Amino acid sequence: MKGKTWGNPFSHKDNSVRETNNQTRSSACFGNTQSGKLSPAFHQALLSFCRMSADSRLGSEVSRIADSEKSVMLMLGRCLPHIVPNVLLAKREELIPLILCTACLHPEPKERDQLLHILFNLIKRPDDEQRQMILTGCVAFARHVGPTRVEAELLPQCWEQINHKYPERRLLVAESCGALAPYLPKEIRSSLVLSMLQQMLMEDKADLVREAVIKSLGIIMGYIDDPDKYQQGFELLLSALGDPSERVVSATHQVFLPAYAAWTTELGNLQSHLIPTLLSKIEKLLREGEHGLDEHKLHMYLSALQSLIPSLFALVLQNAPFSSKAKLHGEVPQIEVTRFPRPMSPLQDVSTIIGSREQLAVLLQLYDYQLEHEGTTGWETLLWVVNQLLPQLIEIVGKINVTSTACVHEFSRFFWRLCRTFGKIFTNTKVKPQFQEILRLSEENIDSSAGNGVLTKATVPIYATGVLTCYIQEEDRKLLVGFLEDVMTLLSLSHAPLDSLKASFVELGANPAYHELLLTVLWYGVVHTSALVRCTAARMFELCQNCHNSGLWHYYGNGYSERVAGKGENAVGFFSGRSSVPRPVFFAYRDHKNIW
């Protein structure tokens, strides 16, 4: 009827009746046999229409509600092997927490092994992000279960996949060895894990896998404490440095070598074995390479030495007479941004090796003061650098072929990094005097018959480009200009080969910052009173034009004659006998190559 409101069929007066009926039916449905109306058989038959199933595996799991943590783990252990294959590959990483949690807490070793096997085989070819997720889970597992179970349960999974056909799986193994290193028994780190990584480094054909192996070896070196493994580590280092893949070599310099150097320092072998051994290998190469030097191996050993410079300097600071005074209190001095060369990795940062930038700043302040005011008496680590390392390096430099541009460049870069790391005071008081003693530049000592031999060697370009270019203040540039002018004069007047001067020009000319400086040196030769020196200047200028500096002349062009005229007094003065030829005359004929 229109406008009539129907009452609620479940009105208040009927509530008590309905509740009573519901309770009765509920009791019957749950097997209450107290009712005399329906038999248990009838109840069972009636419930069969609910379509419940307890006969299947899944039905059995569903019908049993877990009532404790243990029963939950048991249920997950039974169910996960059936769930995983039915999850899309792209989504399987979502199961990692569930698998790991169950593997951690499950009471049955066999079930745990099965779950970890599933984890390592979860994704057919895990990408970088998926591998990181698995590794994160493995580390969490290791933290929870302890070293014994990591060795017994996780390592076998790695071993099983060491030769897997997919490189992504082998990559996971290599990365796992490093990630798990802190959580393994120390005996296992230096035996089984080290052997696994060594095998993969020697046998795996994939560059990415060997790169991961090298990084994990570096981590192992950070935790190893068995001195008997030192030689094995050194052999692995040489293998890694000689790897044909640039990725592997780069990882060696960034991770493995600094970590190995840190361990070597702890053992006291950095100055007694590691550096001397690399130097000996370089000397052997030079002896055997008189008719053909293996430049690749030379680069390999010398680059390793270069990567050891930060570790060596840190050792010098830590063993200095003032090390006990280096306390952090008050305002800490700032370290100049350009104080050190840019490190290849954080592990080659001196502040990281020392412990903090603040601690390094205090040590540097004391270091400079000690060198300038108190000397090196009793400072054994620094005396070794001054009295053994530097003389041996300078002797080696004198043996390399001056015409080998690659060798000159490698050694120049090495000395540049050495001087920049050890600082300006050290360079001026310890490095330069040793080179100057060898070179002995003096116009009175020219021996035209002998050709002033030392000036024809690679010592000249390496000193000029590796030591004299370390610092760029005006006095440093003047010293470099004066040295090159003296070499030009001495070589010219003694009729000696010009290869050492050419090498200096080629190396310096590669950097546009030195183009104007080279032109200053050339101008010195142009206006010299000796025709021999002028001829040498002509050859050097032609070299600059024909090499990578073809733009040098046109870059400075007309304006250079005017600039150099104002610098004439600074460009001369190392020898007497400068010509009074007006400087602009030379530049007026700049387009004519054969004016000489």
Foldseek 3Di string as FASTA:
>chain_A
DPPDDDDDPCDPVCVVVVVVVVVVVVCLLVPNCPDPPDHSVRSVVVCVVVPQDCPDPVSVLVVDDDDDPQVVLVSLLVCVVVVLVVDDLVPQLVCLVVLLVSLLPHPDPVSNLVSLLCLLPSHVQDDPVSLVSSLVSLLVSLVRRAAVCCVVRVLVSLVVCCPPPHVSSVLSSLLNLQSCLVRHDLVCLLPVSVVSLVCCCVDPPDPSNNLSSLQSLLSSLQRHDDVVCLVVLVVVLLSQLPDPDPSSNLSSLAGNLLSSLLSCVVVVNNLPPDLVVLLVVLVVQLVVAPPHGPVSVNLSSLVSVLSCLLVLVLSLLCQAPCNVVQDDDDDADDDDPQLADDHSYPSSDNQVSNPHRSSVSSSVVVLVCCVVPPNCVPSVSVCCCQVPVLVSLLVSQQRDALLPLSVLLSLLQSLLNNDSNSDDSCLVPRRVVVLCVQQVQDPVPQDLVVLSPSLQTSSLLSCLRRRLPNDDPPVSLLVSLLSLLSSLVSNLVSVHDCSNSLSNLVNQLVDLVCLLSLVLSLLQQCQAQDPSSPVSSLVSVVSCCPPPNVCSDVVPAPVSLVVSQVCVVSNDDSDPRGHPPRSVVVRVCVVDSPPD
